[in-house]
PDB file of all heavy atoms in Angstrom:
ATOM      1  N   ILE A   1     -19.082  -9.287  72.113  1.00  0.00           N
ATOM      2  CA  ILE A   1     -17.646  -8.939  72.197  1.00  0.00           C
ATOM      3  C   ILE A   1     -16.853  -9.681  71.156  1.00  0.00           C
ATOM      4  O   ILE A   1     -16.011  -9.099  70.447  1.00  0.00           O
ATOM      5  CB  ILE A   1     -17.136  -9.188  73.612  1.00  0.00           C
ATOM      6  CG1 ILE A   1     -17.833  -8.273  74.615  1.00  0.00           C
ATOM      7  CG2 ILE A   1     -15.612  -8.985  73.662  1.00  0.00           C
ATOM      8  CD1 ILE A   1     -17.478  -8.620  76.083  1.00  0.00           C
ATOM      9  N   ALA A   2     -17.123 -11.004  71.026  1.00  0.00           N
ATOM     10  CA  ALA A   2     -16.405 -11.779  70.031  1.00  0.00           C
ATOM     11  C   ALA A   2     -16.678 -11.308  68.642  1.00  0.00           C
ATOM     12  O   ALA A   2     -15.804 -11.251  67.758  1.00  0.00           O
ATOM     13  CB  ALA A   2     -16.754 -13.284  70.184  1.00  0.00           C
ATOM     14  N   GLY A   3     -17.974 -10.997  68.392  1.00  0.00           N
ATOM     15  CA  GLY A   3     -18.309 -10.503  67.024  1.00  0.00           C
ATOM     16  C   GLY A   3     -17.712  -9.137  66.728  1.00  0.00           C
ATOM     17  O   GLY A   3     -17.325  -8.851  65.586  1.00  0.00           O
ATOM     18  N   TRP A   4     -17.598  -8.307  67.775  1.00  0.00           N
ATOM     19  CA  TRP A   4     -17.016  -6.998  67.598  1.00  0.00           C
ATOM     20  C   TRP A   4     -15.519  -7.142  67.206  1.00  0.00           C
ATOM     21  O   TRP A   4     -15.026  -6.416  66.338  1.00  0.00           O
ATOM     22  CB  TRP A   4     -17.176  -6.135  68.810  1.00  0.00           C
ATOM     23  CG  TRP A   4     -16.508  -4.855  68.804  1.00  0.00           C
ATOM     24  CD1 TRP A   4     -16.853  -3.751  68.027  1.00  0.00           C
ATOM     25  CD2 TRP A   4     -15.330  -4.455  69.480  1.00  0.00           C
ATOM     26  NE1 TRP A   4     -16.003  -2.751  68.215  1.00  0.00           N
ATOM     27  CE2 TRP A   4     -15.035  -3.085  69.113  1.00  0.00           C
ATOM     28  CE3 TRP A   4     -14.486  -5.061  70.434  1.00  0.00           C
ATOM     29  CZ2 TRP A   4     -13.951  -2.412  69.629  1.00  0.00           C
ATOM     30  CZ3 TRP A   4     -13.414  -4.386  70.916  1.00  0.00           C
ATOM     31  CH2 TRP A   4     -13.136  -3.066  70.530  1.00  0.00           C
ATOM     32  N   LYS A   5     -14.870  -8.090  67.830  1.00  0.00           N
ATOM     33  CA  LYS A   5     -13.450  -8.295  67.506  1.00  0.00           C
ATOM     34  C   LYS A   5     -13.241  -8.866  66.098  1.00  0.00           C
ATOM     35  O   LYS A   5     -12.255  -8.559  65.435  1.00  0.00           O
ATOM     36  CB  LYS A   5     -12.807  -9.217  68.541  1.00  0.00           C
ATOM     37  CG  LYS A   5     -12.690  -8.560  69.909  1.00  0.00           C
ATOM     38  CD  LYS A   5     -12.023  -9.530  70.851  1.00  0.00           C
ATOM     39  CE  LYS A   5     -11.836  -8.908  72.261  1.00  0.00           C
ATOM     40  NZ  LYS A   5     -11.213  -9.844  73.258  1.00  0.00           N
ATOM     41  N   ASN A   6     -14.189  -9.707  65.665  1.00  0.00           N
ATOM     42  CA  ASN A   6     -14.053 -10.360  64.389  1.00  0.00           C
ATOM     43  C   ASN A   6     -14.914  -9.755  63.266  1.00  0.00           C
ATOM     44  O   ASN A   6     -15.014 -10.284  62.179  1.00  0.00           O
ATOM     45  CB  ASN A   6     -14.395 -11.863  64.502  1.00  0.00           C
ATOM     46  CG  ASN A   6     -13.481 -12.599  65.481  1.00  0.00           C
ATOM     47  OD1 ASN A   6     -12.293 -12.351  65.564  1.00  0.00           O
ATOM     48  ND2 ASN A   6     -14.071 -13.457  66.253  1.00  0.00           N
ATOM     49  N   ASN A   7     -15.515  -8.648  63.552  1.00  0.00           N
ATOM     50  CA  ASN A   7     -16.412  -7.921  62.641  1.00  0.00           C
ATOM     51  C   ASN A   7     -17.527  -8.859  62.185  1.00  0.00           C
ATOM     52  O   ASN A   7     -17.856  -8.904  61.021  1.00  0.00           O
ATOM     53  CB  ASN A   7     -15.591  -7.410  61.455  1.00  0.00           C
ATOM     54  CG  ASN A   7     -16.375  -6.324  60.686  1.00  0.00           C
ATOM     55  OD1 ASN A   7     -17.205  -5.666  61.230  1.00  0.00           O
ATOM     56  ND2 ASN A   7     -16.069  -6.205  59.417  1.00  0.00           N
ATOM     57  N   GLU A   8     -18.104  -9.577  63.137  1.00  0.00           N
ATOM     58  CA  GLU A   8     -19.210 -10.501  62.844  1.00  0.00           C
ATOM     59  C   GLU A   8     -20.339 -10.177  63.822  1.00  0.00           C
ATOM     60  O   GLU A   8     -20.168  -9.496  64.801  1.00  0.00           O
ATOM     61  CB  GLU A   8     -18.819 -11.962  62.992  1.00  0.00           C
ATOM     62  CG  GLU A   8     -17.757 -12.420  62.041  1.00  0.00           C
ATOM     63  CD  GLU A   8     -18.295 -12.641  60.620  1.00  0.00           C
ATOM     64  OE1 GLU A   8     -19.549 -12.674  60.472  1.00  0.00           O
ATOM     65  OE2 GLU A   8     -17.491 -12.786  59.701  1.00  0.00           O
ATOM     66  N   LYS A   9     -21.559 -10.671  63.517  1.00  0.00           N
ATOM     67  CA  LYS A   9     -22.709 -10.436  64.395  1.00  0.00           C
ATOM     68  C   LYS A   9     -23.186 -11.773  64.866  1.00  0.00           C
ATOM     69  O   LYS A   9     -24.300 -12.265  64.551  1.00  0.00           O
ATOM     70  CB  LYS A   9     -23.853  -9.746  63.587  1.00  0.00           C
ATOM     71  CG  LYS A   9     -23.393  -8.293  63.208  1.00  0.00           C
ATOM     72  CD  LYS A   9     -24.580  -7.582  62.555  1.00  0.00           C
ATOM     73  CE  LYS A   9     -24.194  -6.159  62.194  1.00  0.00           C
ATOM     74  NZ  LYS A   9     -25.286  -5.399  61.543  1.00  0.00           N
ATOM     75  N   TYR A  10     -22.344 -12.417  65.721  1.00  0.00           N
ATOM     76  CA  TYR A  10     -22.736 -13.726  66.256  1.00  0.00           C
ATOM     77  C   TYR A  10     -23.979 -13.652  67.097  1.00  0.00           C
ATOM     78  O   TYR A  10     -24.773 -14.606  67.166  1.00  0.00           O
ATOM     79  CB  TYR A  10     -21.561 -14.264  67.140  1.00  0.00           C
ATOM     80  CG  TYR A  10     -20.273 -14.451  66.392  1.00  0.00           C
ATOM     81  CD1 TYR A  10     -19.114 -13.940  66.872  1.00  0.00           C
ATOM     82  CD2 TYR A  10     -20.201 -15.142  65.199  1.00  0.00           C
ATOM     83  CE1 TYR A  10     -17.859 -14.101  66.250  1.00  0.00           C
ATOM     84  CE2 TYR A  10     -18.994 -15.328  64.540  1.00  0.00           C
ATOM     85  CZ  TYR A  10     -17.835 -14.755  65.084  1.00  0.00           C
ATOM     86  OH  TYR A  10     -16.646 -14.919  64.399  1.00  0.00           O
ATOM     87  N   HIS A  11     -24.205 -12.527  67.738  1.00  0.00           N
ATOM     88  CA  HIS A  11     -25.333 -12.433  68.656  1.00  0.00           C
ATOM     89  C   HIS A  11     -26.656 -12.338  67.970  1.00  0.00           C
ATOM     90  O   HIS A  11     -27.732 -12.465  68.591  1.00  0.00           O
ATOM     91  CB  HIS A  11     -25.168 -11.172  69.559  1.00  0.00           C
ATOM     92  CG  HIS A  11     -25.196  -9.852  68.780  1.00  0.00           C
ATOM     93  ND1 HIS A  11     -24.106  -9.448  68.042  1.00  0.00           N
ATOM     94  CD2 HIS A  11     -26.155  -8.898  68.648  1.00  0.00           C
ATOM     95  CE1 HIS A  11     -24.410  -8.302  67.480  1.00  0.00           C
ATOM     96  NE2 HIS A  11     -25.618  -7.959  67.840  1.00  0.00           N
ATOM     97  N   GLU A  12     -26.626 -12.116  66.612  1.00  0.00           N
ATOM     98  CA  GLU A  12     -27.892 -12.046  65.868  1.00  0.00           C
ATOM     99  C   GLU A  12     -28.249 -13.391  65.298  1.00  0.00           C
ATOM    100  O   GLU A  12     -29.265 -13.530  64.555  1.00  0.00           O
ATOM    101  CB  GLU A  12     -27.787 -11.039  64.743  1.00  0.00           C
ATOM    102  CG  GLU A  12     -27.671  -9.623  65.256  1.00  0.00           C
ATOM    103  CD  GLU A  12     -27.750  -8.589  64.167  1.00  0.00           C
ATOM    104  OE1 GLU A  12     -27.974  -8.958  63.001  1.00  0.00           O
ATOM    105  OE2 GLU A  12     -27.497  -7.366  64.482  1.00  0.00           O
ATOM    106  N   HIS A  13     -27.462 -14.451  65.561  1.00  0.00           N
ATOM    107  CA  HIS A  13     -27.800 -15.795  65.053  1.00  0.00           C
ATOM    108  C   HIS A  13     -29.063 -16.239  65.804  1.00  0.00           C
ATOM    109  O   HIS A  13     -29.230 -15.997  67.019  1.00  0.00           O
ATOM    110  CB  HIS A  13     -26.703 -16.776  65.330  1.00  0.00           C
ATOM    111  CG  HIS A  13     -26.828 -18.052  64.592  1.00  0.00           C
ATOM    112  ND1 HIS A  13     -27.735 -19.047  64.993  1.00  0.00           N
ATOM    113  CD2 HIS A  13     -26.276 -18.520  63.422  1.00  0.00           C
ATOM    114  CE1 HIS A  13     -27.703 -20.071  64.153  1.00  0.00           C
ATOM    115  NE2 HIS A  13     -26.814 -19.787  63.230  1.00  0.00           N
ATOM    116  N   PRO A  14     -30.045 -16.835  65.104  1.00  0.00           N
ATOM    117  CA  PRO A  14     -31.310 -17.184  65.725  1.00  0.00           C
ATOM    118  C   PRO A  14     -31.173 -18.074  66.982  1.00  0.00           C
ATOM    119  O   PRO A  14     -31.988 -17.975  67.926  1.00  0.00           O
ATOM    120  CB  PRO A  14     -32.175 -17.823  64.619  1.00  0.00           C
ATOM    121  CG  PRO A  14     -31.174 -18.242  63.592  1.00  0.00           C
ATOM    122  CD  PRO A  14     -30.042 -17.212  63.689  1.00  0.00           C
ATOM    123  N   PHE A  15     -30.214 -19.002  66.935  1.00  0.00           N
ATOM    124  CA  PHE A  15     -30.051 -19.873  68.110  1.00  0.00           C
ATOM    125  C   PHE A  15     -29.486 -19.120  69.310  1.00  0.00           C
ATOM    126  O   PHE A  15     -29.762 -19.492  70.459  1.00  0.00           O
ATOM    127  CB  PHE A  15     -29.195 -21.088  67.714  1.00  0.00           C
ATOM    128  CG  PHE A  15     -29.912 -22.107  66.903  1.00  0.00           C
ATOM    129  CD1 PHE A  15     -29.626 -22.238  65.551  1.00  0.00           C
ATOM    130  CD2 PHE A  15     -30.937 -22.874  67.436  1.00  0.00           C
ATOM    131  CE1 PHE A  15     -30.340 -23.119  64.785  1.00  0.00           C
ATOM    132  CE2 PHE A  15     -31.665 -23.781  66.655  1.00  0.00           C
ATOM    133  CZ  PHE A  15     -31.330 -23.931  65.326  1.00  0.00           C
ATOM    134  N   ALA A  16     -28.684 -18.103  69.070  1.00  0.00           N
ATOM    135  CA  ALA A  16     -28.250 -17.263  70.153  1.00  0.00           C
ATOM    136  C   ALA A  16     -29.428 -16.475  70.752  1.00  0.00           C
ATOM    137  O   ALA A  16     -29.563 -16.377  71.968  1.00  0.00           O
ATOM    138  CB  ALA A  16     -27.181 -16.303  69.651  1.00  0.00           C
ATOM    139  N   LEU A  17     -30.233 -15.861  69.853  1.00  0.00           N
ATOM    140  CA  LEU A  17     -31.399 -15.168  70.330  1.00  0.00           C
ATOM    141  C   LEU A  17     -32.368 -16.102  71.029  1.00  0.00           C
ATOM    142  O   LEU A  17     -33.000 -15.711  72.018  1.00  0.00           O
ATOM    143  CB  LEU A  17     -32.089 -14.473  69.166  1.00  0.00           C
ATOM    144  CG  LEU A  17     -31.250 -13.447  68.408  1.00  0.00           C
ATOM    145  CD1 LEU A  17     -31.989 -12.968  67.180  1.00  0.00           C
ATOM    146  CD2 LEU A  17     -31.045 -12.240  69.321  1.00  0.00           C
ATOM    147  N   LEU A  18     -32.480 -17.307  70.521  1.00  0.00           N
ATOM    148  CA  LEU A  18     -33.338 -18.277  71.129  1.00  0.00           C
ATOM    149  C   LEU A  18     -32.908 -18.605  72.562  1.00  0.00           C
ATOM    150  O   LEU A  18     -33.762 -18.694  73.495  1.00  0.00           O
ATOM    151  CB  LEU A  18     -33.342 -19.567  70.260  1.00  0.00           C
ATOM    152  CG  LEU A  18     -34.375 -20.673  70.573  1.00  0.00           C
ATOM    153  CD1 LEU A  18     -35.805 -20.167  70.335  1.00  0.00           C
ATOM    154  CD2 LEU A  18     -34.116 -21.868  69.743  1.00  0.00           C
ATOM    155  N   ALA A  19     -31.603 -18.831  72.723  1.00  0.00           N
ATOM    156  CA  ALA A  19     -31.103 -19.114  74.067  1.00  0.00           C
ATOM    157  C   ALA A  19     -31.361 -17.971  75.035  1.00  0.00           C
ATOM    158  O   ALA A  19     -31.793 -18.190  76.196  1.00  0.00           O
ATOM    159  CB  ALA A  19     -29.606 -19.412  74.003  1.00  0.00           C
ATOM    160  N   GLY A  20     -31.127 -16.738  74.594  1.00  0.00           N
ATOM    161  CA  GLY A  20     -31.367 -15.573  75.474  1.00  0.00           C
ATOM    162  C   GLY A  20     -32.837 -15.445  75.850  1.00  0.00           C
ATOM    163  O   GLY A  20     -33.148 -15.180  77.007  1.00  0.00           O
ATOM    164  N   THR A  21     -33.732 -15.646  74.850  1.00  0.00           N
ATOM    165  CA  THR A  21     -35.161 -15.557  75.123  1.00  0.00           C
ATOM    166  C   THR A  21     -35.605 -16.635  76.069  1.00  0.00           C
ATOM    167  O   THR A  21     -36.368 -16.354  77.004  1.00  0.00           O
ATOM    168  CB  THR A  21     -35.918 -15.642  73.775  1.00  0.00           C
ATOM    169  OG1 THR A  21     -35.529 -14.606  72.911  1.00  0.00           O
ATOM    170  CG2 THR A  21     -37.419 -15.588  74.001  1.00  0.00           C
ATOM    171  N   LEU A  22     -35.134 -17.865  75.875  1.00  0.00           N
ATOM    172  CA  LEU A  22     -35.562 -18.955  76.723  1.00  0.00           C
ATOM    173  C   LEU A  22     -35.079 -18.746  78.187  1.00  0.00           C
ATOM    174  O   LEU A  22     -35.842 -18.975  79.116  1.00  0.00           O
ATOM    175  CB  LEU A  22     -35.053 -20.271  76.180  1.00  0.00           C
ATOM    176  CG  LEU A  22     -35.957 -21.037  75.227  1.00  0.00           C
ATOM    177  CD1 LEU A  22     -35.234 -22.285  74.663  1.00  0.00           C
ATOM    178  CD2 LEU A  22     -37.251 -21.402  75.902  1.00  0.00           C
ATOM    179  N   LEU A  23     -33.806 -18.385  78.317  1.00  0.00           N
ATOM    180  CA  LEU A  23     -33.247 -18.264  79.672  1.00  0.00           C
ATOM    181  C   LEU A  23     -34.010 -17.172  80.405  1.00  0.00           C
ATOM    182  O   LEU A  23     -34.292 -17.338  81.606  1.00  0.00           O
ATOM    183  CB  LEU A  23     -31.751 -17.921  79.563  1.00  0.00           C
ATOM    184  CG  LEU A  23     -30.869 -19.120  79.294  1.00  0.00           C
ATOM    185  CD1 LEU A  23     -29.402 -18.682  79.021  1.00  0.00           C
ATOM    186  CD2 LEU A  23     -30.897 -20.168  80.391  1.00  0.00           C
ATOM    187  N   ALA A  24     -34.236 -16.030  79.781  1.00  0.00           N
ATOM    188  CA  ALA A  24     -34.897 -14.931  80.428  1.00  0.00           C
ATOM    189  C   ALA A  24     -36.326 -15.313  80.834  1.00  0.00           C
ATOM    190  O   ALA A  24     -36.790 -15.029  81.957  1.00  0.00           O
ATOM    191  CB  ALA A  24     -34.901 -13.686  79.551  1.00  0.00           C
ATOM    192  N   SER A  25     -37.026 -15.936  79.906  1.00  0.00           N
ATOM    193  CA  SER A  25     -38.441 -16.312  80.144  1.00  0.00           C
ATOM    194  C   SER A  25     -38.545 -17.346  81.232  1.00  0.00           C
ATOM    195  O   SER A  25     -39.381 -17.269  82.123  1.00  0.00           O
ATOM    196  CB  SER A  25     -39.094 -16.813  78.870  1.00  0.00           C
ATOM    197  OG  SER A  25     -39.031 -15.832  77.824  1.00  0.00           O
ATOM    198  N   VAL A  26     -37.674 -18.398  81.143  1.00  0.00           N
ATOM    199  CA  VAL A  26     -37.716 -19.443  82.162  1.00  0.00           C
ATOM    200  C   VAL A  26     -37.373 -18.892  83.536  1.00  0.00           C
ATOM    201  O   VAL A  26     -37.994 -19.259  84.587  1.00  0.00           O
ATOM    202  CB  VAL A  26     -36.796 -20.596  81.788  1.00  0.00           C
ATOM    203  CG1 VAL A  26     -36.599 -21.553  82.963  1.00  0.00           C
ATOM    204  CG2 VAL A  26     -37.315 -21.352  80.560  1.00  0.00           C
ATOM    205  N   TRP A  27     -36.436 -17.946  83.625  1.00  0.00           N
ATOM    206  CA  TRP A  27     -36.084 -17.357  84.892  1.00  0.00           C
ATOM    207  C   TRP A  27     -37.250 -16.584  85.470  1.00  0.00           C
ATOM    208  O   TRP A  27     -37.601 -16.768  86.665  1.00  0.00           O
ATOM    209  CB  TRP A  27     -34.891 -16.424  84.719  1.00  0.00           C
ATOM    210  CG  TRP A  27     -34.625 -15.514  85.882  1.00  0.00           C
ATOM    211  CD1 TRP A  27     -35.068 -14.274  86.102  1.00  0.00           C
ATOM    212  CD2 TRP A  27     -33.867 -15.897  87.054  1.00  0.00           C
ATOM    213  NE1 TRP A  27     -34.636 -13.814  87.316  1.00  0.00           N
ATOM    214  CE2 TRP A  27     -33.920 -14.794  87.924  1.00  0.00           C
ATOM    215  CE3 TRP A  27     -33.174 -17.096  87.446  1.00  0.00           C
ATOM    216  CZ2 TRP A  27     -33.293 -14.825  89.190  1.00  0.00           C
ATOM    217  CZ3 TRP A  27     -32.585 -17.073  88.680  1.00  0.00           C
ATOM    218  CH2 TRP A  27     -32.614 -15.958  89.520  1.00  0.00           C
ATOM    219  N   VAL A  28     -37.969 -15.773  84.649  1.00  0.00           N
ATOM    220  CA  VAL A  28     -39.084 -14.989  85.107  1.00  0.00           C
ATOM    221  C   VAL A  28     -40.215 -15.930  85.565  1.00  0.00           C
ATOM    222  O   VAL A  28     -40.807 -15.730  86.643  1.00  0.00           O
ATOM    223  CB  VAL A  28     -39.547 -14.058  84.010  1.00  0.00           C
ATOM    224  CG1 VAL A  28     -40.939 -13.440  84.364  1.00  0.00           C
ATOM    225  CG2 VAL A  28     -38.557 -12.920  83.836  1.00  0.00           C
ATOM    226  N   ILE A  29     -40.537 -16.899  84.729  1.00  0.00           N
ATOM    227  CA  ILE A  29     -41.626 -17.823  85.059  1.00  0.00           C
ATOM    228  C   ILE A  29     -41.363 -18.635  86.335  1.00  0.00           C
ATOM    229  O   ILE A  29     -42.207 -18.781  87.231  1.00  0.00           O
ATOM    230  CB  ILE A  29     -41.923 -18.741  83.894  1.00  0.00           C
ATOM    231  CG1 ILE A  29     -42.437 -17.898  82.664  1.00  0.00           C
ATOM    232  CG2 ILE A  29     -42.956 -19.830  84.210  1.00  0.00           C
ATOM    233  CD1 ILE A  29     -42.460 -18.664  81.369  1.00  0.00           C
ATOM    234  N   ARG A  30     -40.146 -19.168  86.416  1.00  0.00           N
ATOM    235  CA  ARG A  30     -39.759 -19.980  87.587  1.00  0.00           C
ATOM    236  C   ARG A  30     -39.780 -19.125  88.837  1.00  0.00           C
ATOM    237  O   ARG A  30     -40.264 -19.566  89.903  1.00  0.00           O
ATOM    238  CB  ARG A  30     -38.366 -20.586  87.370  1.00  0.00           C
ATOM    239  CG  ARG A  30     -37.905 -21.469  88.517  1.00  0.00           C
ATOM    240  CD  ARG A  30     -36.565 -22.094  88.182  1.00  0.00           C
ATOM    241  NE  ARG A  30     -36.005 -22.781  89.330  1.00  0.00           N
ATOM    242  CZ  ARG A  30     -36.367 -24.009  89.747  1.00  0.00           C
ATOM    243  NH1 ARG A  30     -37.265 -24.655  89.082  1.00  0.00           N
ATOM    244  NH2 ARG A  30     -35.753 -24.568  90.753  1.00  0.00           N
ATOM    245  N   THR A  31     -39.269 -17.911  88.752  1.00  0.00           N
ATOM    246  CA  THR A  31     -39.243 -17.007  89.929  1.00  0.00           C
ATOM    247  C   THR A  31     -40.691 -16.718  90.395  1.00  0.00           C
ATOM    248  O   THR A  31     -40.999 -16.743  91.609  1.00  0.00           O
ATOM    249  CB  THR A  31     -38.493 -15.725  89.608  1.00  0.00           C
ATOM    250  OG1 THR A  31     -37.159 -16.021  89.207  1.00  0.00           O
ATOM    251  CG2 THR A  31     -38.484 -14.782  90.800  1.00  0.00           C
ATOM    252  N   TYR A  32     -41.553 -16.406  89.436  1.00  0.00           N
ATOM    253  CA  TYR A  32     -42.940 -16.094  89.776  1.00  0.00           C
ATOM    254  C   TYR A  32     -43.622 -17.292  90.420  1.00  0.00           C
ATOM    255  O   TYR A  32     -44.330 -17.163  91.419  1.00  0.00           O
ATOM    256  CB  TYR A  32     -43.689 -15.664  88.530  1.00  0.00           C
ATOM    257  CG  TYR A  32     -45.169 -15.431  88.751  1.00  0.00           C
ATOM    258  CD1 TYR A  32     -45.607 -14.209  89.234  1.00  0.00           C
ATOM    259  CD2 TYR A  32     -46.074 -16.414  88.492  1.00  0.00           C
ATOM    260  CE1 TYR A  32     -46.966 -14.015  89.499  1.00  0.00           C
ATOM    261  CE2 TYR A  32     -47.447 -16.230  88.734  1.00  0.00           C
ATOM    262  CZ  TYR A  32     -47.867 -15.038  89.225  1.00  0.00           C
ATOM    263  OH  TYR A  32     -49.214 -14.832  89.504  1.00  0.00           O
ATOM    264  N   CYS A  33     -43.481 -18.487  89.803  1.00  0.00           N
ATOM    265  CA  CYS A  33     -44.131 -19.675  90.325  1.00  0.00           C
ATOM    266  C   CYS A  33     -43.643 -19.972  91.721  1.00  0.00           C
ATOM    267  O   CYS A  33     -44.439 -20.360  92.616  1.00  0.00           O
ATOM    268  CB  CYS A  33     -43.878 -20.863  89.432  1.00  0.00           C
ATOM    269  SG  CYS A  33     -44.766 -20.790  87.814  1.00  0.00           S
ATOM    270  N   ARG A  34     -42.326 -19.855  91.991  1.00  0.00           N
ATOM    271  CA  ARG A  34     -41.803 -20.136  93.310  1.00  0.00           C
ATOM    272  C   ARG A  34     -42.322 -19.152  94.363  1.00  0.00           C
ATOM    273  O   ARG A  34     -42.685 -19.483  95.460  1.00  0.00           O
ATOM    274  CB  ARG A  34     -40.286 -20.112  93.263  1.00  0.00           C
ATOM    275  CG  ARG A  34     -39.626 -20.609  94.589  1.00  0.00           C
ATOM    276  CD  ARG A  34     -38.131 -20.849  94.403  1.00  0.00           C
ATOM    277  NE  ARG A  34     -37.445 -19.677  94.000  1.00  0.00           N
ATOM    278  CZ  ARG A  34     -36.807 -19.550  92.775  1.00  0.00           C
ATOM    279  NH1 ARG A  34     -36.787 -20.549  91.948  1.00  0.00           N
ATOM    280  NH2 ARG A  34     -36.186 -18.450  92.466  1.00  0.00           N
ATOM    281  N   ARG A  35     -42.338 -17.848  93.974  1.00  0.00           N
ATOM    282  CA  ARG A  35     -42.774 -16.831  94.935  1.00  0.00           C
ATOM    283  C   ARG A  35     -44.287 -16.892  95.166  1.00  0.00           C
ATOM    284  O   ARG A  35     -44.740 -16.698  96.325  1.00  0.00           O
ATOM    285  CB  ARG A  35     -42.455 -15.397  94.390  1.00  0.00           C
ATOM    286  CG  ARG A  35     -42.700 -14.319  95.390  1.00  0.00           C
ATOM    287  CD  ARG A  35     -42.279 -12.920  94.890  1.00  0.00           C
ATOM    288  NE  ARG A  35     -43.046 -12.604  93.662  1.00  0.00           N
ATOM    289  CZ  ARG A  35     -42.573 -12.420  92.476  1.00  0.00           C
ATOM    290  NH1 ARG A  35     -41.254 -12.576  92.287  1.00  0.00           N
ATOM    291  NH2 ARG A  35     -43.296 -12.028  91.477  1.00  0.00           N
ATOM    292  N   SER A  36     -45.069 -17.218  94.146  1.00  0.00           N
ATOM    293  CA  SER A  36     -46.507 -17.273  94.279  1.00  0.00           C
ATOM    294  C   SER A  36     -47.022 -18.609  94.718  1.00  0.00           C
ATOM    295  O   SER A  36     -48.249 -18.788  94.880  1.00  0.00           O
ATOM    296  CB  SER A  36     -47.151 -16.871  92.954  1.00  0.00           C
ATOM    297  OG  SER A  36     -46.723 -15.606  92.519  1.00  0.00           O
ATOM    298  N   LYS A  37     -46.138 -19.606  94.787  1.00  0.00           N
ATOM    299  CA  LYS A  37     -46.514 -20.981  95.179  1.00  0.00           C
ATOM    300  C   LYS A  37     -47.590 -21.550  94.258  1.00  0.00           C
ATOM    301  O   LYS A  37     -48.632 -22.042  94.697  1.00  0.00           O
ATOM    302  CB  LYS A  37     -46.974 -21.013  96.629  1.00  0.00           C
ATOM    303  CG  LYS A  37     -45.886 -20.691  97.653  1.00  0.00           C
ATOM    304  CD  LYS A  37     -46.358 -20.718  99.064  1.00  0.00           C
ATOM    305  CE  LYS A  37     -45.257 -20.572 100.053  1.00  0.00           C
ATOM    306  NZ  LYS A  37     -44.498 -19.319  99.871  1.00  0.00           N
TER     307      LYS A  37
END
């Protein structure tokens, strides 16, 4: 949204992509480990 307003692609910065990838992966792995004990 911020990039759309400023005509920038903030979401394509590698550290932004890195944060999204890490959060999604950690969420999936933690959920699986907790459910599967």
